[in-house]
Amino acid sequence: KGLNRQTMTLTKIALMAVKLIIVIALMYYLFFSGQLSFEKLSSSATDIASLGQGIIIMQAIICLTAFRWFLIVRVSNENSQFFDLYIINYIVAFAASFLPAIVGADAVRGYFAIKSTDANKTGIAMSVISDRLISLYGVLTAVVFSIPFIWQPIMESWALRYVAGVVVGLYLAAIGGFLFLGPIHGLVVSRPFFHTPGRGQRIKKLFLQAADSLMMYRQNLRVVCMCLGLSVVIQGLTGLCLLILSSSIGLNGLSYAAQIFSTSLTTIINVIPLTPNGIGVGEVAYDGFASQILGVDVVLGYASAFLAFRVLWIVNSLPGLVFYVAHNTQAKPEEVNTVE
C-alpha cells in the first residue's frame, strides 16, 4: 500500500509538471506572437468603470450558479440551505482559480457539500454531476442560439462551419438522450447482472443509485428547465463581461452574439484538463474563434481580453479564501463528540 501511495503521488507530480510545461509553452507563444499584450492588459487595469461592471457581473454569475445547484440539490435533499451552497460555490471558485490540483472543482464542491450538509454521498455526487451536465448543455444552447446572428461569418469559414455542425449535433443528441432516459433506465435496472450477489456488489449498488438519481431529475422536468434557463443566462452574462473588457482595451470588432459564441465554445474547450484551470488554453481558443469570426489573419489581441477576464475572476473569487478558512475552523458537533 505504501508503494502504491508513493507511485500515485509521483504520478500526480509528473502530471502537474506536464501541465505547467504546457502552460509555460502556451503563454510564451501568446506573448511572442503578439496575441497577449502588456499594453492592452495595463489599459484594461486602469479602466475602473469596466472593472467595476465586470465584478458586478461576476458576482451575479456566482449567485446564479449557486442557485442552480440549490435547485438541483433540493430534488433529493429538502434540508439544503441556499446560503450554505453559495458559500461552497465561492470556495470552489477560489479553488478552481488558485489550486493547481489534479482533481477538478467539482470534486472540491462535492467534498465540502458532503462535509457541510446532511445529504447522502450518492445524492450529492449526482447533484454535482447533474449540475455540470446541465451547465454544459446550457453552454451548447447558448452557442446554438447565437449561430443565426453570426450566420455569414460561419458560412465564410470552414472551421466555424465544422465547429457549429458538431455543436448542433451534440445539442440534438443530448435532447434525444434526455427524452429516452426512461426506457434506457428501465433496460439497465432490469438487467439481472446488477441484482445478483457476487464481486463488485458495492459498485453495482452505486451504479443503480446513480441511475435512480438521474431518473429522479428526469421526472422533475420543471427544475431541469429552470436550471437550463439559468445556465443560458449565466453564459449570456459571461459574454457580456468579456464584451465590456474587450471594449476597454479597444477591441470592438465582435458583436454580443459573437461574444457569446466565442466564450461558450471556449468554456467547452476549457473543460478539457490540459492545464490548471485551462490557463493558456482558453486564451488561445478565444483568440482563435474571434479571428475566425472577424475573418482576419492579423494578430488582434483578443487573448489579452480573456486573460483580463481570468485575472478579474481570480480577484473576484478571493472571498472564497476567507470562506474556506472560516469553514475549516468551525468544527462540527459530531466531530467534537467523536474526539471526546
C-alpha atoms as a PDB file:
ATOM      1  CA  LYS A   1       0.000   0.000   0.000  1.00  0.00           C
ATOM      2  CA  GLY A   2       2.842   2.368   0.825  1.00  0.00           C
ATOM      3  CA  LEU A   3       4.416   1.691  -2.561  1.00  0.00           C
ATOM      4  CA  ASN A   4       1.095   2.296  -4.314  1.00  0.00           C
ATOM      5  CA  ARG A   5       0.642   5.605  -2.494  1.00  0.00           C
ATOM      6  CA  GLN A   6       4.161   6.676  -3.451  1.00  0.00           C
ATOM      7  CA  THR A   7       3.543   5.733  -7.076  1.00  0.00           C
ATOM      8  CA  MET A   8       0.272   7.683  -7.130  1.00  0.00           C
ATOM      9  CA  THR A   9       1.981  10.720  -5.604  1.00  0.00           C
ATOM     10  CA  LEU A  10       4.783  10.618  -8.163  1.00  0.00           C
ATOM     11  CA  THR A  11       2.221  10.223 -10.946  1.00  0.00           C
ATOM     12  CA  LYS A  12       0.307  13.295  -9.749  1.00  0.00           C
ATOM     13  CA  ILE A  13       3.512  15.325  -9.528  1.00  0.00           C
ATOM     14  CA  ALA A  14       4.518  14.225 -13.040  1.00  0.00           C
ATOM     15  CA  LEU A  15       1.094  15.124 -14.464  1.00  0.00           C
ATOM     16  CA  MET A  16       1.171  18.526 -12.804  1.00  0.00           C
ATOM     17  CA  ALA A  17       4.676  19.149 -14.138  1.00  0.00           C
ATOM     18  CA  VAL A  18       3.497  18.311 -17.662  1.00  0.00           C
ATOM     19  CA  LYS A  19       0.540  20.683 -17.286  1.00  0.00           C
ATOM     20  CA  LEU A  20       2.779  23.508 -16.058  1.00  0.00           C
ATOM     21  CA  ILE A  21       5.099  22.959 -19.016  1.00  0.00           C
ATOM     22  CA  ILE A  22       2.102  23.243 -21.355  1.00  0.00           C
ATOM     23  CA  VAL A  23       1.050  26.491 -19.620  1.00  0.00           C
ATOM     24  CA  ILE A  24       4.534  27.981 -19.981  1.00  0.00           C
ATOM     25  CA  ALA A  25       4.719  26.970 -23.641  1.00  0.00           C
ATOM     26  CA  LEU A  26       1.293  28.434 -24.433  1.00  0.00           C
ATOM     27  CA  MET A  27       1.960  31.709 -22.614  1.00  0.00           C
ATOM     28  CA  TYR A  28       5.340  32.011 -24.345  1.00  0.00           C
ATOM     29  CA  TYR A  29       3.636  31.529 -27.707  1.00  0.00           C
ATOM     30  CA  LEU A  30       0.902  34.057 -26.911  1.00  0.00           C
ATOM     31  CA  PHE A  31       3.258  36.803 -25.758  1.00  0.00           C
ATOM     32  CA  PHE A  32       5.805  36.448 -28.522  1.00  0.00           C
ATOM     33  CA  SER A  33       3.147  36.155 -31.235  1.00  0.00           C
ATOM     34  CA  GLY A  34       1.574  39.383 -30.036  1.00  0.00           C
ATOM     35  CA  GLN A  35      -1.770  37.825 -29.077  1.00  0.00           C
ATOM     36  CA  LEU A  36      -1.092  38.807 -25.464  1.00  0.00           C
ATOM     37  CA  SER A  37      -0.086  42.413 -24.915  1.00  0.00           C
ATOM     38  CA  PHE A  38       1.072  44.033 -21.678  1.00  0.00           C
ATOM     39  CA  GLU A  39      -0.092  47.358 -23.086  1.00  0.00           C
ATOM     40  CA  LYS A  40      -3.657  46.102 -23.544  1.00  0.00           C
ATOM     41  CA  LEU A  41      -3.662  44.453 -20.114  1.00  0.00           C
ATOM     42  CA  SER A  42      -2.475  47.660 -18.440  1.00  0.00           C
ATOM     43  CA  SER A  43      -5.127  49.715 -20.226  1.00  0.00           C
ATOM     44  CA  SER A  44      -7.768  47.273 -19.022  1.00  0.00           C
ATOM     45  CA  ALA A  45      -6.448  47.535 -15.452  1.00  0.00           C
ATOM     46  CA  THR A  46      -6.843  51.316 -15.475  1.00  0.00           C
ATOM     47  CA  ASP A  47     -10.452  51.297 -16.698  1.00  0.00           C
ATOM     48  CA  ILE A  48     -12.142  51.366 -13.296  1.00  0.00           C
ATOM     49  CA  ALA A  49     -15.669  51.574 -14.708  1.00  0.00           C
ATOM     50  CA  SER A  50     -15.234  48.417 -16.817  1.00  0.00           C
ATOM     51  CA  LEU A  51     -13.621  46.552 -13.925  1.00  0.00           C
ATOM     52  CA  GLY A  52     -16.484  47.534 -11.624  1.00  0.00           C
ATOM     53  CA  GLN A  53     -19.073  46.375 -14.141  1.00  0.00           C
ATOM     54  CA  GLY A  54     -17.152  43.121 -14.579  1.00  0.00           C
ATOM     55  CA  ILE A  55     -17.082  42.473 -10.824  1.00  0.00           C
ATOM     56  CA  ILE A  56     -20.841  43.069 -10.547  1.00  0.00           C
ATOM     57  CA  ILE A  57     -21.499  40.652 -13.415  1.00  0.00           C
ATOM     58  CA  MET A  58     -19.207  38.014 -11.887  1.00  0.00           C
ATOM     59  CA  GLN A  59     -20.970  38.322  -8.534  1.00  0.00           C
ATOM     60  CA  ALA A  60     -24.242  37.682 -10.341  1.00  0.00           C
ATOM     61  CA  ILE A  61     -22.706  34.648 -12.092  1.00  0.00           C
ATOM     62  CA  ILE A  62     -21.592  33.093  -8.789  1.00  0.00           C
ATOM     63  CA  CYS A  63     -25.002  33.761  -7.206  1.00  0.00           C
ATOM     64  CA  LEU A  64     -26.930  32.267 -10.145  1.00  0.00           C
ATOM     65  CA  THR A  65     -24.596  29.260 -10.287  1.00  0.00           C
ATOM     66  CA  ALA A  66     -25.199  28.581  -6.595  1.00  0.00           C
ATOM     67  CA  PHE A  67     -28.967  28.961  -7.069  1.00  0.00           C
ATOM     68  CA  ARG A  68     -28.919  26.499  -9.982  1.00  0.00           C
ATOM     69  CA  TRP A  69     -27.095  23.938  -7.827  1.00  0.00           C
ATOM     70  CA  PHE A  70     -29.507  24.659  -4.959  1.00  0.00           C
ATOM     71  CA  LEU A  71     -32.477  23.770  -7.192  1.00  0.00           C
ATOM     72  CA  ILE A  72     -30.802  20.510  -8.212  1.00  0.00           C
ATOM     73  CA  VAL A  73     -29.853  19.525  -4.655  1.00  0.00           C
ATOM     74  CA  ARG A  74     -33.371  20.251  -3.404  1.00  0.00           C
ATOM     75  CA  VAL A  75     -34.704  17.492  -5.640  1.00  0.00           C
ATOM     76  CA  SER A  76     -33.077  14.866  -3.413  1.00  0.00           C
ATOM     77  CA  ASN A  77     -32.389  16.800  -0.192  1.00  0.00           C
ATOM     78  CA  GLU A  78     -35.093  19.090   1.197  1.00  0.00           C
ATOM     79  CA  ASN A  79     -32.891  20.279   4.082  1.00  0.00           C
ATOM     80  CA  SER A  80     -30.268  22.040   1.985  1.00  0.00           C
ATOM     81  CA  GLN A  81     -29.839  25.782   2.504  1.00  0.00           C
ATOM     82  CA  PHE A  82     -29.057  28.201  -0.302  1.00  0.00           C
ATOM     83  CA  PHE A  83     -26.542  30.192   1.751  1.00  0.00           C
ATOM     84  CA  ASP A  84     -24.521  27.052   2.560  1.00  0.00           C
ATOM     85  CA  LEU A  85     -24.323  26.119  -1.111  1.00  0.00           C
ATOM     86  CA  TYR A  86     -23.475  29.716  -2.014  1.00  0.00           C
ATOM     87  CA  ILE A  87     -20.513  29.658   0.388  1.00  0.00           C
ATOM     88  CA  ILE A  88     -19.367  26.304  -1.014  1.00  0.00           C
ATOM     89  CA  ASN A  89     -19.676  27.663  -4.544  1.00  0.00           C
ATOM     90  CA  TYR A  90     -17.485  30.630  -3.610  1.00  0.00           C
ATOM     91  CA  ILE A  91     -14.891  28.253  -2.139  1.00  0.00           C
ATOM     92  CA  VAL A  92     -14.982  26.262  -5.376  1.00  0.00           C
ATOM     93  CA  ALA A  93     -14.466  29.461  -7.408  1.00  0.00           C
ATOM     94  CA  PHE A  94     -11.386  30.186  -5.310  1.00  0.00           C
ATOM     95  CA  ALA A  95     -10.064  26.622  -5.576  1.00  0.00           C
ATOM     96  CA  ALA A  96     -10.568  26.499  -9.339  1.00  0.00           C
ATOM     97  CA  SER A  97      -8.670  29.781  -9.736  1.00  0.00           C
ATOM     98  CA  PHE A  98      -5.707  29.107  -7.477  1.00  0.00           C
ATOM     99  CA  LEU A  99      -5.159  25.447  -6.714  1.00  0.00           C
ATOM    100  CA  PRO A 100      -3.296  23.551  -9.475  1.00  0.00           C
ATOM    101  CA  ALA A 101      -4.765  20.266  -8.321  1.00  0.00           C
ATOM    102  CA  ILE A 102      -5.344  17.099 -10.303  1.00  0.00           C
ATOM    103  CA  VAL A 103      -8.922  16.844  -9.002  1.00  0.00           C
ATOM    104  CA  GLY A 104     -11.379  19.236 -10.532  1.00  0.00           C
ATOM    105  CA  ALA A 105     -13.508  21.907  -8.937  1.00  0.00           C
ATOM    106  CA  ASP A 106     -16.469  19.511  -8.964  1.00  0.00           C
ATOM    107  CA  ALA A 107     -14.628  17.130  -6.624  1.00  0.00           C
ATOM    108  CA  VAL A 108     -13.922  20.043  -4.273  1.00  0.00           C
ATOM    109  CA  ARG A 109     -17.568  21.077  -4.379  1.00  0.00           C
ATOM    110  CA  GLY A 110     -18.763  17.539  -3.642  1.00  0.00           C
ATOM    111  CA  TYR A 111     -16.309  17.199  -0.746  1.00  0.00           C
ATOM    112  CA  PHE A 112     -17.429  20.384   1.004  1.00  0.00           C
ATOM    113  CA  ALA A 113     -21.104  19.649   0.354  1.00  0.00           C
ATOM    114  CA  ILE A 114     -20.832  16.187   1.908  1.00  0.00           C
ATOM    115  CA  LYS A 115     -18.903  17.645   4.835  1.00  0.00           C
ATOM    116  CA  SER A 116     -21.327  20.518   5.447  1.00  0.00           C
ATOM    117  CA  THR A 117     -24.771  19.064   4.765  1.00  0.00           C
ATOM    118  CA  ASP A 118     -26.793  16.050   5.843  1.00  0.00           C
ATOM    119  CA  ALA A 119     -27.290  14.779   2.304  1.00  0.00           C
ATOM    120  CA  ASN A 120     -26.156  11.295   1.350  1.00  0.00           C
ATOM    121  CA  LYS A 121     -22.947  10.967  -0.629  1.00  0.00           C
ATOM    122  CA  THR A 122     -24.600   9.495  -3.718  1.00  0.00           C
ATOM    123  CA  GLY A 123     -27.193  12.275  -3.827  1.00  0.00           C
ATOM    124  CA  ILE A 124     -24.543  14.990  -3.550  1.00  0.00           C
ATOM    125  CA  ALA A 125     -22.329  13.319  -6.153  1.00  0.00           C
ATOM    126  CA  MET A 126     -25.230  13.049  -8.581  1.00  0.00           C
ATOM    127  CA  SER A 127     -26.256  16.663  -7.929  1.00  0.00           C
ATOM    128  CA  VAL A 128     -22.729  17.810  -8.805  1.00  0.00           C
ATOM    129  CA  ILE A 129     -22.663  15.675 -11.957  1.00  0.00           C
ATOM    130  CA  SER A 130     -26.159  16.789 -12.964  1.00  0.00           C
ATOM    131  CA  ASP A 131     -25.241  20.427 -12.368  1.00  0.00           C
ATOM    132  CA  ARG A 132     -22.186  20.036 -14.589  1.00  0.00           C
ATOM    133  CA  LEU A 133     -24.191  18.323 -17.347  1.00  0.00           C
ATOM    134  CA  ILE A 134     -26.922  20.982 -17.263  1.00  0.00           C
ATOM    135  CA  SER A 135     -24.254  23.688 -17.273  1.00  0.00           C
ATOM    136  CA  LEU A 136     -22.597  22.212 -20.356  1.00  0.00           C
ATOM    137  CA  TYR A 137     -25.943  21.801 -22.083  1.00  0.00           C
ATOM    138  CA  GLY A 138     -26.679  25.440 -21.322  1.00  0.00           C
ATOM    139  CA  VAL A 139     -23.386  26.342 -22.996  1.00  0.00           C
ATOM    140  CA  LEU A 140     -24.388  24.312 -26.065  1.00  0.00           C
ATOM    141  CA  THR A 141     -27.768  26.051 -26.059  1.00  0.00           C
ATOM    142  CA  ALA A 142     -26.099  29.464 -25.972  1.00  0.00           C
ATOM    143  CA  VAL A 143     -23.923  28.516 -28.955  1.00  0.00           C
ATOM    144  CA  VAL A 144     -26.900  27.211 -30.943  1.00  0.00           C
ATOM    145  CA  PHE A 145     -28.972  30.337 -30.249  1.00  0.00           C
ATOM    146  CA  SER A 146     -26.100  32.633 -31.275  1.00  0.00           C
ATOM    147  CA  ILE A 147     -25.491  30.909 -34.632  1.00  0.00           C
ATOM    148  CA  PRO A 148     -28.311  32.675 -36.590  1.00  0.00           C
ATOM    149  CA  PHE A 149     -26.945  36.089 -35.569  1.00  0.00           C
ATOM    150  CA  ILE A 150     -23.467  35.365 -36.966  1.00  0.00           C
ATOM    151  CA  TRP A 151     -24.549  33.161 -39.846  1.00  0.00           C
ATOM    152  CA  GLN A 152     -22.500  34.929 -42.510  1.00  0.00           C
ATOM    153  CA  PRO A 153     -19.095  34.661 -40.741  1.00  0.00           C
ATOM    154  CA  ILE A 154     -19.806  30.991 -40.027  1.00  0.00           C
ATOM    155  CA  MET A 155     -20.615  30.266 -43.668  1.00  0.00           C
ATOM    156  CA  GLU A 156     -17.412  32.014 -44.772  1.00  0.00           C
ATOM    157  CA  SER A 157     -15.153  29.913 -42.539  1.00  0.00           C
ATOM    158  CA  TRP A 158     -14.913  26.142 -42.950  1.00  0.00           C
ATOM    159  CA  ALA A 159     -13.544  25.824 -39.399  1.00  0.00           C
ATOM    160  CA  LEU A 160     -16.537  27.626 -37.902  1.00  0.00           C
ATOM    161  CA  ARG A 161     -18.932  25.599 -40.080  1.00  0.00           C
ATOM    162  CA  TYR A 162     -17.376  22.399 -38.766  1.00  0.00           C
ATOM    163  CA  VAL A 163     -17.486  23.551 -35.119  1.00  0.00           C
ATOM    164  CA  ALA A 164     -21.073  24.786 -35.445  1.00  0.00           C
ATOM    165  CA  GLY A 165     -22.122  21.485 -37.026  1.00  0.00           C
ATOM    166  CA  VAL A 166     -20.534  19.477 -34.204  1.00  0.00           C
ATOM    167  CA  VAL A 167     -22.211  21.652 -31.556  1.00  0.00           C
ATOM    168  CA  VAL A 168     -25.640  21.336 -33.182  1.00  0.00           C
ATOM    169  CA  GLY A 169     -25.147  17.571 -33.424  1.00  0.00           C
ATOM    170  CA  LEU A 170     -24.242  17.321 -29.729  1.00  0.00           C
ATOM    171  CA  TYR A 171     -27.189  19.540 -28.859  1.00  0.00           C
ATOM    172  CA  LEU A 172     -29.675  17.309 -30.688  1.00  0.00           C
ATOM    173  CA  ALA A 173     -28.045  14.131 -29.337  1.00  0.00           C
ATOM    174  CA  ALA A 174     -28.393  15.448 -25.777  1.00  0.00           C
ATOM    175  CA  ILE A 175     -32.096  16.153 -26.362  1.00  0.00           C
ATOM    176  CA  GLY A 176     -32.575  12.607 -27.637  1.00  0.00           C
ATOM    177  CA  GLY A 177     -30.715  11.099 -24.701  1.00  0.00           C
ATOM    178  CA  PHE A 178     -32.809  13.066 -22.222  1.00  0.00           C
ATOM    179  CA  LEU A 179     -36.104  12.116 -23.902  1.00  0.00           C
ATOM    180  CA  PHE A 180     -35.221   8.406 -23.963  1.00  0.00           C
ATOM    181  CA  LEU A 181     -33.692   8.345 -20.477  1.00  0.00           C
ATOM    182  CA  GLY A 182     -36.746   6.499 -19.112  1.00  0.00           C
ATOM    183  CA  PRO A 183     -36.511   3.450 -21.417  1.00  0.00           C
ATOM    184  CA  ILE A 184     -32.731   3.367 -21.020  1.00  0.00           C
ATOM    185  CA  HIS A 185     -33.095   3.439 -17.238  1.00  0.00           C
ATOM    186  CA  GLY A 186     -35.636   0.597 -17.296  1.00  0.00           C
ATOM    187  CA  LEU A 187     -33.430  -1.503 -19.569  1.00  0.00           C
ATOM    188  CA  VAL A 188     -30.378  -1.058 -17.353  1.00  0.00           C
ATOM    189  CA  VAL A 189     -32.101  -1.568 -13.984  1.00  0.00           C
ATOM    190  CA  SER A 190     -33.898  -4.715 -15.157  1.00  0.00           C
ATOM    191  CA  ARG A 191     -30.641  -6.487 -16.007  1.00  0.00           C
ATOM    192  CA  PRO A 192     -30.078  -9.468 -13.642  1.00  0.00           C
ATOM    193  CA  PHE A 193     -26.357  -8.646 -13.536  1.00  0.00           C
ATOM    194  CA  PHE A 194     -26.991  -5.714 -11.187  1.00  0.00           C
ATOM    195  CA  HIS A 195     -29.085  -7.747  -8.738  1.00  0.00           C
ATOM    196  CA  THR A 196     -27.135 -10.996  -8.396  1.00  0.00           C
ATOM    197  CA  PRO A 197     -24.704 -11.302  -5.463  1.00  0.00           C
ATOM    198  CA  GLY A 198     -21.021 -11.552  -6.259  1.00  0.00           C
ATOM    199  CA  ARG A 199     -17.956  -9.492  -6.859  1.00  0.00           C
ATOM    200  CA  GLY A 200     -18.362  -5.779  -7.311  1.00  0.00           C
ATOM    201  CA  GLN A 201     -21.600  -5.653  -5.339  1.00  0.00           C
ATOM    202  CA  ARG A 202     -20.825  -2.222  -3.941  1.00  0.00           C
ATOM    203  CA  ILE A 203     -20.111  -0.808  -7.404  1.00  0.00           C
ATOM    204  CA  LYS A 204     -23.338  -2.327  -8.725  1.00  0.00           C
ATOM    205  CA  LYS A 205     -25.294  -0.725  -5.888  1.00  0.00           C
ATOM    206  CA  LEU A 206     -23.723   2.675  -6.523  1.00  0.00           C
ATOM    207  CA  PHE A 207     -24.473   2.364 -10.244  1.00  0.00           C
ATOM    208  CA  LEU A 208     -28.144   1.593  -9.545  1.00  0.00           C
ATOM    209  CA  GLN A 209     -28.347   4.512  -7.111  1.00  0.00           C
ATOM    210  CA  ALA A 210     -26.827   6.804  -9.735  1.00  0.00           C
ATOM    211  CA  ALA A 211     -29.311   5.571 -12.363  1.00  0.00           C
ATOM    212  CA  ASP A 212     -32.232   6.162  -9.970  1.00  0.00           C
ATOM    213  CA  SER A 213     -30.941   9.653  -9.185  1.00  0.00           C
ATOM    214  CA  LEU A 214     -30.730  10.564 -12.878  1.00  0.00           C
ATOM    215  CA  MET A 215     -34.253   9.294 -13.390  1.00  0.00           C
ATOM    216  CA  MET A 216     -35.412  11.384 -10.432  1.00  0.00           C
ATOM    217  CA  TYR A 217     -34.035  14.505 -12.119  1.00  0.00           C
ATOM    218  CA  ARG A 218     -35.655  13.416 -15.377  1.00  0.00           C
ATOM    219  CA  GLN A 219     -39.039  13.299 -13.659  1.00  0.00           C
ATOM    220  CA  ASN A 220     -38.570  16.849 -12.308  1.00  0.00           C
ATOM    221  CA  LEU A 221     -38.742  18.470 -15.730  1.00  0.00           C
ATOM    222  CA  ARG A 222     -39.666  21.889 -14.332  1.00  0.00           C
ATOM    223  CA  VAL A 223     -36.494  22.031 -12.240  1.00  0.00           C
ATOM    224  CA  VAL A 224     -34.378  20.903 -15.175  1.00  0.00           C
ATOM    225  CA  CYS A 225     -35.842  23.606 -17.427  1.00  0.00           C
ATOM    226  CA  MET A 226     -35.281  26.273 -14.765  1.00  0.00           C
ATOM    227  CA  CYS A 227     -31.655  25.174 -14.325  1.00  0.00           C
ATOM    228  CA  LEU A 228     -31.146  25.136 -18.082  1.00  0.00           C
ATOM    229  CA  GLY A 229     -32.525  28.666 -18.321  1.00  0.00           C
ATOM    230  CA  LEU A 230     -30.157  29.792 -15.558  1.00  0.00           C
ATOM    231  CA  SER A 231     -27.248  28.216 -17.444  1.00  0.00           C
ATOM    232  CA  VAL A 232     -28.096  30.178 -20.588  1.00  0.00           C
ATOM    233  CA  VAL A 233     -28.386  33.404 -18.567  1.00  0.00           C
ATOM    234  CA  ILE A 234     -25.014  32.706 -16.921  1.00  0.00           C
ATOM    235  CA  GLN A 235     -23.421  32.213 -20.314  1.00  0.00           C
ATOM    236  CA  GLY A 236     -25.011  35.423 -21.555  1.00  0.00           C
ATOM    237  CA  LEU A 237     -23.556  37.301 -18.577  1.00  0.00           C
ATOM    238  CA  THR A 238     -20.130  35.796 -19.283  1.00  0.00           C
ATOM    239  CA  GLY A 239     -20.306  37.037 -22.872  1.00  0.00           C
ATOM    240  CA  LEU A 240     -21.407  40.474 -21.644  1.00  0.00           C
ATOM    241  CA  CYS A 241     -18.458  40.664 -19.233  1.00  0.00           C
ATOM    242  CA  LEU A 242     -15.997  39.786 -21.992  1.00  0.00           C
ATOM    243  CA  LEU A 243     -17.664  42.306 -24.295  1.00  0.00           C
ATOM    244  CA  ILE A 244     -17.063  45.030 -21.696  1.00  0.00           C
ATOM    245  CA  LEU A 245     -13.464  44.003 -21.065  1.00  0.00           C
ATOM    246  CA  SER A 246     -12.736  43.747 -24.805  1.00  0.00           C
ATOM    247  CA  SER A 247     -14.096  47.244 -25.352  1.00  0.00           C
ATOM    248  CA  SER A 248     -11.937  48.572 -22.507  1.00  0.00           C
ATOM    249  CA  ILE A 249      -8.785  47.583 -24.428  1.00  0.00           C
ATOM    250  CA  GLY A 250     -10.016  48.863 -27.782  1.00  0.00           C
ATOM    251  CA  LEU A 251     -11.317  45.606 -29.262  1.00  0.00           C
ATOM    252  CA  ASN A 252     -14.804  46.343 -30.582  1.00  0.00           C
ATOM    253  CA  GLY A 253     -14.993  44.001 -33.572  1.00  0.00           C
ATOM    254  CA  LEU A 254     -17.114  41.258 -32.005  1.00  0.00           C
ATOM    255  CA  SER A 255     -20.847  41.740 -31.555  1.00  0.00           C
ATOM    256  CA  TYR A 256     -22.636  40.482 -28.447  1.00  0.00           C
ATOM    257  CA  ALA A 257     -23.807  37.339 -30.277  1.00  0.00           C
ATOM    258  CA  ALA A 258     -20.248  36.703 -31.499  1.00  0.00           C
ATOM    259  CA  GLN A 259     -19.003  37.130 -27.926  1.00  0.00           C
ATOM    260  CA  ILE A 260     -21.483  34.535 -26.688  1.00  0.00           C
ATOM    261  CA  PHE A 261     -20.470  32.161 -29.497  1.00  0.00           C
ATOM    262  CA  SER A 262     -16.753  32.575 -28.752  1.00  0.00           C
ATOM    263  CA  THR A 263     -16.962  32.477 -24.960  1.00  0.00           C
ATOM    264  CA  SER A 264     -19.299  29.471 -24.950  1.00  0.00           C
ATOM    265  CA  LEU A 265     -17.011  27.438 -27.207  1.00  0.00           C
ATOM    266  CA  THR A 266     -14.028  28.486 -25.108  1.00  0.00           C
ATOM    267  CA  THR A 267     -15.875  27.305 -21.995  1.00  0.00           C
ATOM    268  CA  ILE A 268     -16.352  23.885 -23.596  1.00  0.00           C
ATOM    269  CA  ILE A 269     -12.675  23.659 -24.520  1.00  0.00           C
ATOM    270  CA  ASN A 270     -11.663  24.736 -21.001  1.00  0.00           C
ATOM    271  CA  VAL A 271     -13.356  21.593 -19.665  1.00  0.00           C
ATOM    272  CA  ILE A 272     -10.507  19.560 -21.190  1.00  0.00           C
ATOM    273  CA  PRO A 273      -7.989  19.169 -18.312  1.00  0.00           C
ATOM    274  CA  LEU A 274      -4.865  20.093 -20.274  1.00  0.00           C
ATOM    275  CA  THR A 275      -3.702  22.834 -17.891  1.00  0.00           C
ATOM    276  CA  PRO A 276      -4.677  24.044 -14.393  1.00  0.00           C
ATOM    277  CA  ASN A 277      -7.956  25.943 -14.789  1.00  0.00           C
ATOM    278  CA  GLY A 278      -7.389  25.973 -18.566  1.00  0.00           C
ATOM    279  CA  ILE A 279      -4.681  28.656 -18.332  1.00  0.00           C
ATOM    280  CA  GLY A 280      -3.321  29.354 -21.799  1.00  0.00           C
ATOM    281  CA  VAL A 281      -5.787  27.014 -23.498  1.00  0.00           C
ATOM    282  CA  GLY A 282      -8.696  29.423 -23.029  1.00  0.00           C
ATOM    283  CA  GLU A 283      -6.686  32.382 -24.298  1.00  0.00           C
ATOM    284  CA  VAL A 284      -5.609  30.545 -27.463  1.00  0.00           C
ATOM    285  CA  ALA A 285      -9.140  29.245 -28.135  1.00  0.00           C
ATOM    286  CA  TYR A 286     -10.866  32.592 -27.563  1.00  0.00           C
ATOM    287  CA  ASP A 287      -8.413  34.477 -29.777  1.00  0.00           C
ATOM    288  CA  GLY A 288      -8.766  31.825 -32.480  1.00  0.00           C
ATOM    289  CA  PHE A 289     -12.571  31.961 -32.538  1.00  0.00           C
ATOM    290  CA  ALA A 290     -12.512  35.768 -32.600  1.00  0.00           C
ATOM    291  CA  SER A 291     -10.107  35.786 -35.545  1.00  0.00           C
ATOM    292  CA  GLN A 292     -12.242  33.263 -37.463  1.00  0.00           C
ATOM    293  CA  ILE A 293     -15.435  35.257 -36.903  1.00  0.00           C
ATOM    294  CA  LEU A 294     -13.808  38.519 -37.993  1.00  0.00           C
ATOM    295  CA  GLY A 295     -12.177  36.746 -40.945  1.00  0.00           C
ATOM    296  CA  VAL A 296      -8.715  38.225 -40.460  1.00  0.00           C
ATOM    297  CA  ASP A 297      -5.242  36.698 -40.326  1.00  0.00           C
ATOM    298  CA  VAL A 298      -3.566  39.540 -38.449  1.00  0.00           C
ATOM    299  CA  VAL A 299      -2.991  39.487 -34.693  1.00  0.00           C
ATOM    300  CA  LEU A 300      -5.847  41.251 -32.901  1.00  0.00           C
ATOM    301  CA  GLY A 301      -5.014  40.564 -29.266  1.00  0.00           C
ATOM    302  CA  TYR A 302      -8.310  39.083 -28.074  1.00  0.00           C
ATOM    303  CA  ALA A 303      -6.286  36.732 -25.886  1.00  0.00           C
ATOM    304  CA  SER A 304      -5.479  39.794 -23.766  1.00  0.00           C
ATOM    305  CA  ALA A 305      -9.192  40.328 -23.126  1.00  0.00           C
ATOM    306  CA  PHE A 306      -9.637  36.734 -21.998  1.00  0.00           C
ATOM    307  CA  LEU A 307      -6.600  36.936 -19.718  1.00  0.00           C
ATOM    308  CA  ALA A 308      -8.025  40.158 -18.239  1.00  0.00           C
ATOM    309  CA  PHE A 309     -11.278  38.273 -17.643  1.00  0.00           C
ATOM    310  CA  ARG A 310      -9.355  35.458 -15.947  1.00  0.00           C
ATOM    311  CA  VAL A 311      -7.422  37.846 -13.673  1.00  0.00           C
ATOM    312  CA  LEU A 312     -10.615  39.692 -12.745  1.00  0.00           C
ATOM    313  CA  TRP A 313     -12.301  36.375 -11.938  1.00  0.00           C
ATOM    314  CA  ILE A 314      -9.383  35.474  -9.632  1.00  0.00           C
ATOM    315  CA  VAL A 315      -9.743  38.809  -7.808  1.00  0.00           C
ATOM    316  CA  ASN A 316     -13.498  38.272  -7.570  1.00  0.00           C
ATOM    317  CA  SER A 317     -13.007  34.799  -6.045  1.00  0.00           C
ATOM    318  CA  LEU A 318     -10.704  35.974  -3.237  1.00  0.00           C
ATOM    319  CA  PRO A 319     -13.560  35.978  -0.671  1.00  0.00           C
ATOM    320  CA  GLY A 320     -13.634  32.222  -1.224  1.00  0.00           C
ATOM    321  CA  LEU A 321     -10.339  32.019   0.688  1.00  0.00           C
ATOM    322  CA  VAL A 322     -11.976  33.731   3.678  1.00  0.00           C
ATOM    323  CA  PHE A 323     -14.942  31.362   3.485  1.00  0.00           C
ATOM    324  CA  TYR A 324     -12.573  28.395   3.217  1.00  0.00           C
ATOM    325  CA  VAL A 325     -10.632  29.378   6.354  1.00  0.00           C
ATOM    326  CA  ALA A 326     -13.838  30.083   8.271  1.00  0.00           C
ATOM    327  CA  HIS A 327     -15.315  26.786   7.106  1.00  0.00           C
ATOM    328  CA  ASN A 328     -12.323  24.765   8.291  1.00  0.00           C
ATOM    329  CA  THR A 329     -12.098  26.469  11.689  1.00  0.00           C
ATOM    330  CA  GLN A 330     -15.687  25.551  12.573  1.00  0.00           C
ATOM    331  CA  ALA A 331     -15.680  22.003  13.923  1.00  0.00           C
ATOM    332  CA  LYS A 332     -18.867  20.054  13.501  1.00  0.00           C
ATOM    333  CA  PRO A 333     -20.519  18.973  16.793  1.00  0.00           C
ATOM    334  CA  GLU A 334     -20.393  15.260  15.949  1.00  0.00           C
ATOM    335  CA  GLU A 335     -16.692  15.564  15.126  1.00  0.00           C
ATOM    336  CA  VAL A 336     -16.067  17.164  18.548  1.00  0.00           C
ATOM    337  CA  ASN A 337     -18.024  14.406  20.290  1.00  0.00           C
ATOM    338  CA  THR A 338     -16.095  11.767  18.392  1.00  0.00           C
ATOM    339  CA  VAL A 339     -12.791  13.230  19.504  1.00  0.00           C
ATOM    340  CA  GLU A 340     -14.000  13.426  23.135  1.00  0.00           C
END
